[in-house]
């Protein structure tokens, strides 16, 4: 938790991007590749890498380093990924399906 920035310069289509959520949970400013589920995982709580060219990545990292940490905002965002919230979302969707069958 001593780091200010976490970068995930993935070249693989990450299915979800839990590693990005872990970075947010540690209070880091997060920079991720614009691939797979990484953008969806961080929402508007980080920076997206359009490409992995070194100069471009360095400029995005500088922005992340120069931006003050907003830990309260990150923690509020992460609540949607809490297991109780996810379970409730699944239940709500199941109830919708059941109610449409009747």
PDB file of N, CA and C in Angstrom:
ATOM      1  N   UNK A   1       0.805  -1.203   0.000  1.00  0.00           N
ATOM      2  CA  UNK A   1       0.000   0.000   0.000  1.00  0.00           C
ATOM      3  C   UNK A   1       0.846   1.264   0.000  1.00  0.00           C
ATOM      4  N   UNK A   2       2.123   1.135  -0.238  1.00  0.00           N
ATOM      5  CA  UNK A   2       3.002   2.296  -0.257  1.00  0.00           C
ATOM      6  C   UNK A   2       3.138   2.898  -1.643  1.00  0.00           C
ATOM      7  N   UNK A   3       2.554   2.269  -2.638  1.00  0.00           N
ATOM      8  CA  UNK A   3       2.697   2.734  -4.012  1.00  0.00           C
ATOM      9  C   UNK A   3       1.567   3.680  -4.381  1.00  0.00           C
ATOM     10  N   UNK A   4       1.857   4.603  -5.267  1.00  0.00           N
ATOM     11  CA  UNK A   4       0.855   5.577  -5.692  1.00  0.00           C
ATOM     12  C   UNK A   4       0.158   5.157  -6.985  1.00  0.00           C
ATOM     13  N   UNK A   5       0.875   4.436  -7.835  1.00  0.00           N
ATOM     14  CA  UNK A   5       0.336   4.066  -9.143  1.00  0.00           C
ATOM     15  C   UNK A   5       0.531   2.578  -9.397  1.00  0.00           C
ATOM     16  N   UNK A   6      -0.472   1.982 -10.033  1.00  0.00           N
ATOM     17  CA  UNK A   6      -0.364   0.599 -10.495  1.00  0.00           C
ATOM     18  C   UNK A   6      -0.639   0.611 -11.991  1.00  0.00           C
ATOM     19  N   UNK A   7       0.205  -0.082 -12.746  1.00  0.00           N
ATOM     20  CA  UNK A   7       0.008  -0.152 -14.194  1.00  0.00           C
ATOM     21  C   UNK A   7      -0.183  -1.607 -14.611  1.00  0.00           C
ATOM     22  N   UNK A   8      -1.168  -1.829 -15.474  1.00  0.00           N
ATOM     23  CA  UNK A   8      -1.442  -3.155 -16.020  1.00  0.00           C
ATOM     24  C   UNK A   8      -1.389  -3.022 -17.547  1.00  0.00           C
ATOM     25  N   UNK A   9      -0.183  -3.101 -18.125  1.00  0.00           N
ATOM     26  CA  UNK A   9      -0.035  -2.933 -19.575  1.00  0.00           C
ATOM     27  C   UNK A   9      -0.237  -4.253 -20.315  1.00  0.00           C
ATOM     28  N   UNK A  10      -1.398  -4.821 -20.142  1.00  0.00           N
ATOM     29  CA  UNK A  10      -1.670  -6.154 -20.667  1.00  0.00           C
ATOM     30  C   UNK A  10      -1.804  -6.154 -22.189  1.00  0.00           C
ATOM     31  N   UNK A  11      -1.241  -7.170 -22.810  1.00  0.00           N
ATOM     32  CA  UNK A  11      -1.429  -7.378 -24.249  1.00  0.00           C
ATOM     33  C   UNK A  11      -2.479  -8.466 -24.481  1.00  0.00           C
ATOM     34  N   UNK A  12      -2.927  -9.075 -23.408  1.00  0.00           N
ATOM     35  CA  UNK A  12      -3.908 -10.154 -23.438  1.00  0.00           C
ATOM     36  C   UNK A  12      -5.285  -9.572 -23.145  1.00  0.00           C
ATOM     37  N   UNK A  13      -6.321 -10.150 -23.702  1.00  0.00           N
ATOM     38  CA  UNK A  13      -7.695  -9.728 -23.436  1.00  0.00           C
ATOM     39  C   UNK A  13      -8.113 -10.225 -22.052  1.00  0.00           C
ATOM     40  N   UNK A  14      -7.784  -9.467 -21.034  1.00  0.00           N
ATOM     41  CA  UNK A  14      -8.144  -9.842 -19.663  1.00  0.00           C
ATOM     42  C   UNK A  14      -9.658 -10.050 -19.586  1.00  0.00           C
ATOM     43  N   UNK A  15     -10.114 -11.212 -19.085  1.00  0.00           N
ATOM     44  CA  UNK A  15     -11.550 -11.463 -19.027  1.00  0.00           C
ATOM     45  C   UNK A  15     -12.297 -10.468 -18.140  1.00  0.00           C
ATOM     46  N   UNK A  16     -11.718 -10.109 -17.012  1.00  0.00           N
ATOM     47  CA  UNK A  16     -12.404  -9.159 -16.141  1.00  0.00           C
ATOM     48  C   UNK A  16     -11.479  -8.052 -15.671  1.00  0.00           C
ATOM     49  N   UNK A  17     -10.401  -8.361 -15.079  1.00  0.00           N
ATOM     50  CA  UNK A  17      -9.490  -7.327 -14.618  1.00  0.00           C
ATOM     51  C   UNK A  17      -9.474  -7.140 -13.116  1.00  0.00           C
ATOM     52  N   UNK A  18      -9.565  -8.254 -12.392  1.00  0.00           N
ATOM     53  CA  UNK A  18      -9.571  -8.153 -10.935  1.00  0.00           C
ATOM     54  C   UNK A  18      -8.287  -7.513 -10.408  1.00  0.00           C
ATOM     55  N   UNK A  19      -7.190  -7.686 -11.124  1.00  0.00           N
ATOM     56  CA  UNK A  19      -5.935  -7.078 -10.685  1.00  0.00           C
ATOM     57  C   UNK A  19      -6.073  -5.554 -10.638  1.00  0.00           C
ATOM     58  N   UNK A  20      -6.837  -4.976 -11.550  1.00  0.00           N
ATOM     59  CA  UNK A  20      -7.063  -3.531 -11.531  1.00  0.00           C
ATOM     60  C   UNK A  20      -7.879  -3.129 -10.305  1.00  0.00           C
ATOM     61  N   UNK A  21      -8.865  -3.945  -9.947  1.00  0.00           N
ATOM     62  CA  UNK A  21      -9.652  -3.677  -8.742  1.00  0.00           C
ATOM     63  C   UNK A  21      -8.783  -3.765  -7.497  1.00  0.00           C
ATOM     64  N   UNK A  22      -7.853  -4.709  -7.492  1.00  0.00           N
ATOM     65  CA  UNK A  22      -6.937  -4.830  -6.355  1.00  0.00           C
ATOM     66  C   UNK A  22      -6.080  -3.576  -6.227  1.00  0.00           C
ATOM     67  N   UNK A  23      -5.663  -3.022  -7.349  1.00  0.00           N
ATOM     68  CA  UNK A  23      -4.906  -1.771  -7.314  1.00  0.00           C
ATOM     69  C   UNK A  23      -5.732  -0.637  -6.732  1.00  0.00           C
ATOM     70  N   UNK A  24      -6.992  -0.533  -7.158  1.00  0.00           N
ATOM     71  CA  UNK A  24      -7.880   0.483  -6.593  1.00  0.00           C
ATOM     72  C   UNK A  24      -8.064   0.267  -5.096  1.00  0.00           C
ATOM     73  N   UNK A  25      -8.246  -0.991  -4.694  1.00  0.00           N
ATOM     74  CA  UNK A  25      -8.451  -1.306  -3.278  1.00  0.00           C
ATOM     75  C   UNK A  25      -7.245  -0.932  -2.429  1.00  0.00           C
ATOM     76  N   UNK A  26      -6.074  -0.950  -3.035  1.00  0.00           N
ATOM     77  CA  UNK A  26      -4.858  -0.541  -2.320  1.00  0.00           C
ATOM     78  C   UNK A  26      -4.683   0.971  -2.336  1.00  0.00           C
ATOM     79  N   UNK A  27      -5.605   1.673  -2.981  1.00  0.00           N
ATOM     80  CA  UNK A  27      -5.549   3.126  -3.003  1.00  0.00           C
ATOM     81  C   UNK A  27      -4.703   3.710  -4.112  1.00  0.00           C
ATOM     82  N   UNK A  28      -4.298   2.885  -5.061  1.00  0.00           N
ATOM     83  CA  UNK A  28      -3.440   3.358  -6.160  1.00  0.00           C
ATOM     84  C   UNK A  28      -4.257   4.042  -7.252  1.00  0.00           C
ATOM     85  N   UNK A  29      -3.614   4.978  -7.928  1.00  0.00           N
ATOM     86  CA  UNK A  29      -4.115   5.428  -9.218  1.00  0.00           C
ATOM     87  C   UNK A  29      -3.769   4.312 -10.190  1.00  0.00           C
ATOM     88  N   UNK A  30      -4.731   3.891 -10.993  1.00  0.00           N
ATOM     89  CA  UNK A  30      -4.560   2.704 -11.829  1.00  0.00           C
ATOM     90  C   UNK A  30      -4.540   3.083 -13.311  1.00  0.00           C
ATOM     91  N   UNK A  31      -3.566   2.515 -14.017  1.00  0.00           N
ATOM     92  CA  UNK A  31      -3.413   2.687 -15.460  1.00  0.00           C
ATOM     93  C   UNK A  31      -3.500   1.297 -16.078  1.00  0.00           C
ATOM     94  N   UNK A  32      -4.427   1.111 -17.024  1.00  0.00           N
ATOM     95  CA  UNK A  32      -4.615  -0.211 -17.626  1.00  0.00           C
ATOM     96  C   UNK A  32      -4.668  -0.120 -19.143  1.00  0.00           C
ATOM     97  N   UNK A  33      -4.366  -1.241 -19.781  1.00  0.00           N
ATOM     98  CA  UNK A  33      -4.538  -1.353 -21.229  1.00  0.00           C
ATOM     99  C   UNK A  33      -6.018  -1.285 -21.565  1.00  0.00           C
ATOM    100  N   UNK A  34      -6.308  -0.765 -22.727  1.00  0.00           N
ATOM    101  CA  UNK A  34      -7.691  -0.700 -23.205  1.00  0.00           C
ATOM    102  C   UNK A  34      -8.016  -2.027 -23.881  1.00  0.00           C
ATOM    103  N   UNK A  35      -8.009  -3.103 -23.074  1.00  0.00           N
ATOM    104  CA  UNK A  35      -8.204  -4.454 -23.601  1.00  0.00           C
ATOM    105  C   UNK A  35      -9.073  -5.254 -22.639  1.00  0.00           C
ATOM    106  N   UNK A  36      -9.885  -6.114 -23.208  1.00  0.00           N
ATOM    107  CA  UNK A  36     -10.680  -7.029 -22.403  1.00  0.00           C
ATOM    108  C   UNK A  36     -11.550  -6.305 -21.391  1.00  0.00           C
ATOM    109  N   UNK A  37     -11.588  -6.851 -20.184  1.00  0.00           N
ATOM    110  CA  UNK A  37     -12.421  -6.308 -19.127  1.00  0.00           C
ATOM    111  C   UNK A  37     -11.767  -5.244 -18.273  1.00  0.00           C
ATOM    112  N   UNK A  38     -10.525  -4.894 -18.556  1.00  0.00           N
ATOM    113  CA  UNK A  38      -9.828  -3.898 -17.739  1.00  0.00           C
ATOM    114  C   UNK A  38     -10.531  -2.541 -17.725  1.00  0.00           C
ATOM    115  N   UNK A  39     -10.924  -1.989 -18.872  1.00  0.00           N
ATOM    116  CA  UNK A  39     -11.614  -0.699 -18.832  1.00  0.00           C
ATOM    117  C   UNK A  39     -12.917  -0.747 -18.032  1.00  0.00           C
ATOM    118  N   UNK A  40     -13.663  -1.835 -18.194  1.00  0.00           N
ATOM    119  CA  UNK A  40     -14.916  -1.979 -17.449  1.00  0.00           C
ATOM    120  C   UNK A  40     -14.649  -2.077 -15.949  1.00  0.00           C
ATOM    121  N   UNK A  41     -13.578  -2.753 -15.587  1.00  0.00           N
ATOM    122  CA  UNK A  41     -13.262  -2.934 -14.169  1.00  0.00           C
ATOM    123  C   UNK A  41     -12.984  -1.607 -13.476  1.00  0.00           C
ATOM    124  N   UNK A  42     -12.241  -0.715 -14.107  1.00  0.00           N
ATOM    125  CA  UNK A  42     -11.885   0.533 -13.419  1.00  0.00           C
ATOM    126  C   UNK A  42     -12.889   1.655 -13.652  1.00  0.00           C
ATOM    127  N   UNK A  43     -13.757   1.503 -14.655  1.00  0.00           N
ATOM    128  CA  UNK A  43     -14.717   2.573 -14.923  1.00  0.00           C
ATOM    129  C   UNK A  43     -13.994   3.873 -15.209  1.00  0.00           C
ATOM    130  N   UNK A  44     -14.417   4.938 -14.537  1.00  0.00           N
ATOM    131  CA  UNK A  44     -13.744   6.226 -14.720  1.00  0.00           C
ATOM    132  C   UNK A  44     -12.793   6.517 -13.556  1.00  0.00           C
ATOM    133  N   UNK A  45     -12.258   5.455 -12.976  1.00  0.00           N
ATOM    134  CA  UNK A  45     -11.362   5.572 -11.823  1.00  0.00           C
ATOM    135  C   UNK A  45      -9.908   5.320 -12.180  1.00  0.00           C
ATOM    136  N   UNK A  46      -9.524   5.618 -13.390  1.00  0.00           N
ATOM    137  CA  UNK A  46      -8.146   5.395 -13.791  1.00  0.00           C
ATOM    138  C   UNK A  46      -7.904   5.877 -15.203  1.00  0.00           C
ATOM    139  N   UNK A  47      -6.813   5.441 -15.757  1.00  0.00           N
ATOM    140  CA  UNK A  47      -6.395   5.854 -17.096  1.00  0.00           C
ATOM    141  C   UNK A  47      -6.308   4.631 -17.987  1.00  0.00           C
ATOM    142  N   UNK A  48      -6.705   4.817 -19.253  1.00  0.00           N
ATOM    143  CA  UNK A  48      -6.651   3.741 -20.236  1.00  0.00           C
ATOM    144  C   UNK A  48      -5.501   3.988 -21.204  1.00  0.00           C
ATOM    145  N   UNK A  49      -4.758   2.936 -21.469  1.00  0.00           N
ATOM    146  CA  UNK A  49      -3.667   2.999 -22.435  1.00  0.00           C
ATOM    147  C   UNK A  49      -4.191   2.607 -23.808  1.00  0.00           C
ATOM    148  N   UNK A  50      -4.143   3.534 -24.740  1.00  0.00           N
ATOM    149  CA  UNK A  50      -4.557   3.241 -26.113  1.00  0.00           C
ATOM    150  C   UNK A  50      -3.526   2.396 -26.840  1.00  0.00           C
ATOM    151  N   UNK A  51      -2.272   2.518 -26.432  1.00  0.00           N
ATOM    152  CA  UNK A  51      -1.203   1.716 -27.023  1.00  0.00           C
ATOM    153  C   UNK A  51      -0.107   1.527 -25.981  1.00  0.00           C
ATOM    154  N   UNK A  52       0.852   0.701 -26.286  1.00  0.00           N
ATOM    155  CA  UNK A  52       1.911   0.383 -25.323  1.00  0.00           C
ATOM    156  C   UNK A  52       3.265   0.933 -25.761  1.00  0.00           C
ATOM    157  N   UNK A  53       3.251   2.015 -26.516  1.00  0.00           N
ATOM    158  CA  UNK A  53       4.503   2.658 -26.903  1.00  0.00           C
ATOM    159  C   UNK A  53       5.113   3.330 -25.672  1.00  0.00           C
ATOM    160  N   UNK A  54       6.412   3.163 -25.450  1.00  0.00           N
ATOM    161  CA  UNK A  54       7.053   3.669 -24.232  1.00  0.00           C
ATOM    162  C   UNK A  54       6.820   5.155 -23.952  1.00  0.00           C
ATOM    163  N   UNK A  55       6.949   6.023 -24.949  1.00  0.00           N
ATOM    164  CA  UNK A  55       6.758   7.458 -24.714  1.00  0.00           C
ATOM    165  C   UNK A  55       5.325   7.769 -24.290  1.00  0.00           C
ATOM    166  N   UNK A  56       4.388   7.120 -24.950  1.00  0.00           N
ATOM    167  CA  UNK A  56       2.982   7.324 -24.617  1.00  0.00           C
ATOM    168  C   UNK A  56       2.687   6.825 -23.202  1.00  0.00           C
ATOM    169  N   UNK A  57       3.168   5.616 -22.883  1.00  0.00           N
ATOM    170  CA  UNK A  57       2.950   5.061 -21.544  1.00  0.00           C
ATOM    171  C   UNK A  57       3.554   5.973 -20.486  1.00  0.00           C
ATOM    172  N   UNK A  58       4.730   6.510 -20.744  1.00  0.00           N
ATOM    173  CA  UNK A  58       5.387   7.407 -19.785  1.00  0.00           C
ATOM    174  C   UNK A  58       4.541   8.655 -19.544  1.00  0.00           C
ATOM    175  N   UNK A  59       3.927   9.200 -20.597  1.00  0.00           N
ATOM    176  CA  UNK A  59       3.105  10.405 -20.420  1.00  0.00           C
ATOM    177  C   UNK A  59       1.858  10.109 -19.588  1.00  0.00           C
ATOM    178  N   UNK A  60       1.251   8.945 -19.808  1.00  0.00           N
ATOM    179  CA  UNK A  60       0.065   8.571 -19.026  1.00  0.00           C
ATOM    180  C   UNK A  60       0.454   8.305 -17.572  1.00  0.00           C
ATOM    181  N   UNK A  61       1.576   7.628 -17.365  1.00  0.00           N
ATOM    182  CA  UNK A  61       2.042   7.379 -15.998  1.00  0.00           C
ATOM    183  C   UNK A  61       2.325   8.684 -15.267  1.00  0.00           C
ATOM    184  N   UNK A  62       2.883   9.656 -15.961  1.00  0.00           N
ATOM    185  CA  UNK A  62       3.155  10.953 -15.333  1.00  0.00           C
ATOM    186  C   UNK A  62       1.857  11.596 -14.870  1.00  0.00           C
ATOM    187  N   UNK A  63       0.808  11.527 -15.713  1.00  0.00           N
ATOM    188  CA  UNK A  63      -0.496  12.069 -15.317  1.00  0.00           C
ATOM    189  C   UNK A  63      -1.002  11.372 -14.056  1.00  0.00           C
ATOM    190  N   UNK A  64      -0.877  10.046 -14.030  1.00  0.00           N
ATOM    191  CA  UNK A  64      -1.350   9.283 -12.865  1.00  0.00           C
ATOM    192  C   UNK A  64      -0.553   9.644 -11.612  1.00  0.00           C
ATOM    193  N   UNK A  65       0.753   9.817 -11.770  1.00  0.00           N
ATOM    194  CA  UNK A  65       1.597  10.187 -10.628  1.00  0.00           C
ATOM    195  C   UNK A  65       1.293  11.591 -10.129  1.00  0.00           C
ATOM    196  N   UNK A  66       0.950  12.492 -11.039  1.00  0.00           N
ATOM    197  CA  UNK A  66       0.694  13.885 -10.675  1.00  0.00           C
ATOM    198  C   UNK A  66      -0.714  14.122 -10.142  1.00  0.00           C
ATOM    199  N   UNK A  67      -1.581  13.123 -10.256  1.00  0.00           N
ATOM    200  CA  UNK A  67      -2.964  13.263  -9.800  1.00  0.00           C
ATOM    201  C   UNK A  67      -3.078  12.824  -8.342  1.00  0.00           C
ATOM    202  N   UNK A  68      -3.657  13.686  -7.499  1.00  0.00           N
ATOM    203  CA  UNK A  68      -3.829  13.298  -6.092  1.00  0.00           C
ATOM    204  C   UNK A  68      -4.694  12.044  -5.967  1.00  0.00           C
ATOM    205  N   UNK A  69      -4.375  11.225  -4.986  1.00  0.00           N
ATOM    206  CA  UNK A  69      -5.162  10.020  -4.724  1.00  0.00           C
ATOM    207  C   UNK A  69      -6.509  10.417  -4.133  1.00  0.00           C
ATOM    208  N   UNK A  70      -7.566   9.791  -4.582  1.00  0.00           N
ATOM    209  CA  UNK A  70      -8.905  10.016  -4.041  1.00  0.00           C
ATOM    210  C   UNK A  70      -9.411   8.673  -3.521  1.00  0.00           C
ATOM    211  N   UNK A  71      -8.904   8.307  -2.361  1.00  0.00           N
ATOM    212  CA  UNK A  71      -9.181   6.981  -1.805  1.00  0.00           C
ATOM    213  C   UNK A  71     -10.663   6.800  -1.496  1.00  0.00           C
ATOM    214  N   UNK A  72     -11.318   7.840  -0.983  1.00  0.00           N
ATOM    215  CA  UNK A  72     -12.745   7.716  -0.672  1.00  0.00           C
ATOM    216  C   UNK A  72     -13.555   7.380  -1.926  1.00  0.00           C
ATOM    217  N   UNK A  73     -13.244   8.032  -3.018  1.00  0.00           N
ATOM    218  CA  UNK A  73     -13.948   7.764  -4.279  1.00  0.00           C
ATOM    219  C   UNK A  73     -13.702   6.336  -4.743  1.00  0.00           C
ATOM    220  N   UNK A  74     -12.456   5.878  -4.622  1.00  0.00           N
ATOM    221  CA  UNK A  74     -12.121   4.515  -5.031  1.00  0.00           C
ATOM    222  C   UNK A  74     -12.887   3.495  -4.185  1.00  0.00           C
ATOM    223  N   UNK A  75     -12.933   3.720  -2.873  1.00  0.00           N
ATOM    224  CA  UNK A  75     -13.619   2.783  -1.982  1.00  0.00           C
ATOM    225  C   UNK A  75     -15.120   2.754  -2.263  1.00  0.00           C
ATOM    226  N   UNK A  76     -15.690   3.916  -2.545  1.00  0.00           N
ATOM    227  CA  UNK A  76     -17.117   3.964  -2.880  1.00  0.00           C
ATOM    228  C   UNK A  76     -17.386   3.188  -4.171  1.00  0.00           C
ATOM    229  N   UNK A  77     -16.536   3.356  -5.172  1.00  0.00           N
ATOM    230  CA  UNK A  77     -16.681   2.645  -6.439  1.00  0.00           C
ATOM    231  C   UNK A  77     -16.577   1.136  -6.231  1.00  0.00           C
ATOM    232  N   UNK A  78     -15.644   0.707  -5.392  1.00  0.00           N
ATOM    233  CA  UNK A  78     -15.404  -0.722  -5.187  1.00  0.00           C
ATOM    234  C   UNK A  78     -16.561  -1.432  -4.494  1.00  0.00           C
ATOM    235  N   UNK A  79     -17.443  -0.690  -3.826  1.00  0.00           N
ATOM    236  CA  UNK A  79     -18.575  -1.316  -3.140  1.00  0.00           C
ATOM    237  C   UNK A  79     -19.446  -2.125  -4.102  1.00  0.00           C
ATOM    238  N   UNK A  80     -19.505  -1.712  -5.356  1.00  0.00           N
ATOM    239  CA  UNK A  80     -20.334  -2.451  -6.323  1.00  0.00           C
ATOM    240  C   UNK A  80     -19.786  -3.839  -6.600  1.00  0.00           C
ATOM    241  N   UNK A  81     -18.534  -4.082  -6.234  1.00  0.00           N
ATOM    242  CA  UNK A  81     -17.915  -5.388  -6.460  1.00  0.00           C
ATOM    243  C   UNK A  81     -17.865  -6.237  -5.188  1.00  0.00           C
ATOM    244  N   UNK A  82     -18.464  -5.739  -4.113  1.00  0.00           N
ATOM    245  CA  UNK A  82     -18.518  -6.514  -2.873  1.00  0.00           C
ATOM    246  C   UNK A  82     -19.400  -7.739  -3.116  1.00  0.00           C
ATOM    247  N   UNK A  83     -19.037  -8.860  -2.506  1.00  0.00           N
ATOM    248  CA  UNK A  83     -19.759 -10.110  -2.780  1.00  0.00           C
ATOM    249  C   UNK A  83     -21.249 -10.004  -2.475  1.00  0.00           C
ATOM    250  N   UNK A  84     -21.630  -9.255  -1.449  1.00  0.00           N
ATOM    251  CA  UNK A  84     -23.054  -9.100  -1.145  1.00  0.00           C
ATOM    252  C   UNK A  84     -23.769  -8.332  -2.260  1.00  0.00           C
ATOM    253  N   UNK A  85     -23.111  -7.309  -2.765  1.00  0.00           N
ATOM    254  CA  UNK A  85     -23.708  -6.515  -3.844  1.00  0.00           C
ATOM    255  C   UNK A  85     -23.856  -7.349  -5.115  1.00  0.00           C
ATOM    256  N   UNK A  86     -22.833  -8.124  -5.435  1.00  0.00           N
ATOM    257  CA  UNK A  86     -22.893  -8.973  -6.628  1.00  0.00           C
ATOM    258  C   UNK A  86     -23.993 -10.018  -6.481  1.00  0.00           C
ATOM    259  N   UNK A  87     -24.087 -10.639  -5.303  1.00  0.00           N
ATOM    260  CA  UNK A  87     -25.137 -11.635  -5.065  1.00  0.00           C
ATOM    261  C   UNK A  87     -26.518 -10.999  -5.205  1.00  0.00           C
ATOM    262  N   UNK A  88     -26.693  -9.796  -4.664  1.00  0.00           N
ATOM    263  CA  UNK A  88     -27.984  -9.122  -4.764  1.00  0.00           C
ATOM    264  C   UNK A  88     -28.326  -8.785  -6.212  1.00  0.00           C
ATOM    265  N   UNK A  89     -27.329  -8.387  -6.973  1.00  0.00           N
ATOM    266  CA  UNK A  89     -27.550  -8.089  -8.393  1.00  0.00           C
ATOM    267  C   UNK A  89     -28.014  -9.336  -9.136  1.00  0.00           C
ATOM    268  N   UNK A  90     -27.372 -10.477  -8.871  1.00  0.00           N
ATOM    269  CA  UNK A  90     -27.802 -11.739  -9.490  1.00  0.00           C
ATOM    270  C   UNK A  90     -29.240 -12.080  -9.096  1.00  0.00           C
ATOM    271  N   UNK A  91     -29.553 -11.952  -7.809  1.00  0.00           N
ATOM    272  CA  UNK A  91     -30.914 -12.245  -7.352  1.00  0.00           C
ATOM    273  C   UNK A  91     -31.935 -11.347  -8.038  1.00  0.00           C
ATOM    274  N   UNK A  92     -31.625 -10.069  -8.135  1.00  0.00           N
ATOM    275  CA  UNK A  92     -32.548  -9.138  -8.791  1.00  0.00           C
ATOM    276  C   UNK A  92     -32.805  -9.543 -10.239  1.00  0.00           C
ATOM    277  N   UNK A  93     -31.753  -9.951 -10.935  1.00  0.00           N
ATOM    278  CA  UNK A  93     -31.912 -10.376 -12.327  1.00  0.00           C
ATOM    279  C   UNK A  93     -32.744 -11.653 -12.420  1.00  0.00           C
ATOM    280  N   UNK A  94     -32.543 -12.580 -11.489  1.00  0.00           N
ATOM    281  CA  UNK A  94     -33.337 -13.817 -11.484  1.00  0.00           C
ATOM    282  C   UNK A  94     -34.804 -13.516 -11.215  1.00  0.00           C
ATOM    283  N   UNK A  95     -35.072 -12.608 -10.264  1.00  0.00           N
ATOM    284  CA  UNK A  95     -36.458 -12.231  -9.981  1.00  0.00           C
ATOM    285  C   UNK A  95     -37.116 -11.609 -11.212  1.00  0.00           C
ATOM    286  N   UNK A  96     -36.369 -10.811 -11.951  1.00  0.00           N
ATOM    287  CA  UNK A  96     -36.910 -10.215 -13.181  1.00  0.00           C
ATOM    288  C   UNK A  96     -37.276 -11.303 -14.189  1.00  0.00           C
ATOM    289  N   UNK A  97     -36.395 -12.287 -14.345  1.00  0.00           N
ATOM    290  CA  UNK A  97     -36.669 -13.384 -15.278  1.00  0.00           C
ATOM    291  C   UNK A  97     -37.904 -14.167 -14.863  1.00  0.00           C
ATOM    292  N   UNK A  98     -37.996 -14.474 -13.581  1.00  0.00           N
ATOM    293  CA  UNK A  98     -39.136 -15.240 -13.068  1.00  0.00           C
ATOM    294  C   UNK A  98     -40.430 -14.459 -13.250  1.00  0.00           C
ATOM    295  N   UNK A  99     -40.411 -13.172 -12.960  1.00  0.00           N
ATOM    296  CA  UNK A  99     -41.635 -12.369 -13.068  1.00  0.00           C
ATOM    297  C   UNK A  99     -42.089 -12.224 -14.523  1.00  0.00           C
ATOM    298  N   UNK A 100     -41.178 -12.293 -15.475  1.00  0.00           N
ATOM    299  CA  UNK A 100     -41.558 -12.213 -16.889  1.00  0.00           C
ATOM    300  C   UNK A 100     -42.141 -13.528 -17.405  1.00  0.00           C
ATOM    301  N   UNK A 101     -41.870 -14.628 -16.722  1.00  0.00           N
ATOM    302  CA  UNK A 101     -42.416 -15.925 -17.131  1.00  0.00           C
ATOM    303  C   UNK A 101     -43.878 -16.056 -16.745  1.00  0.00           C
ATOM    304  N   UNK A 102     -44.302 -15.329 -15.738  1.00  0.00           N
ATOM    305  CA  UNK A 102     -45.685 -15.444 -15.243  1.00  0.00           C
ATOM    306  C   UNK A 102     -46.622 -14.536 -15.976  1.00  0.00           C
TER     307      UNK A 102
END
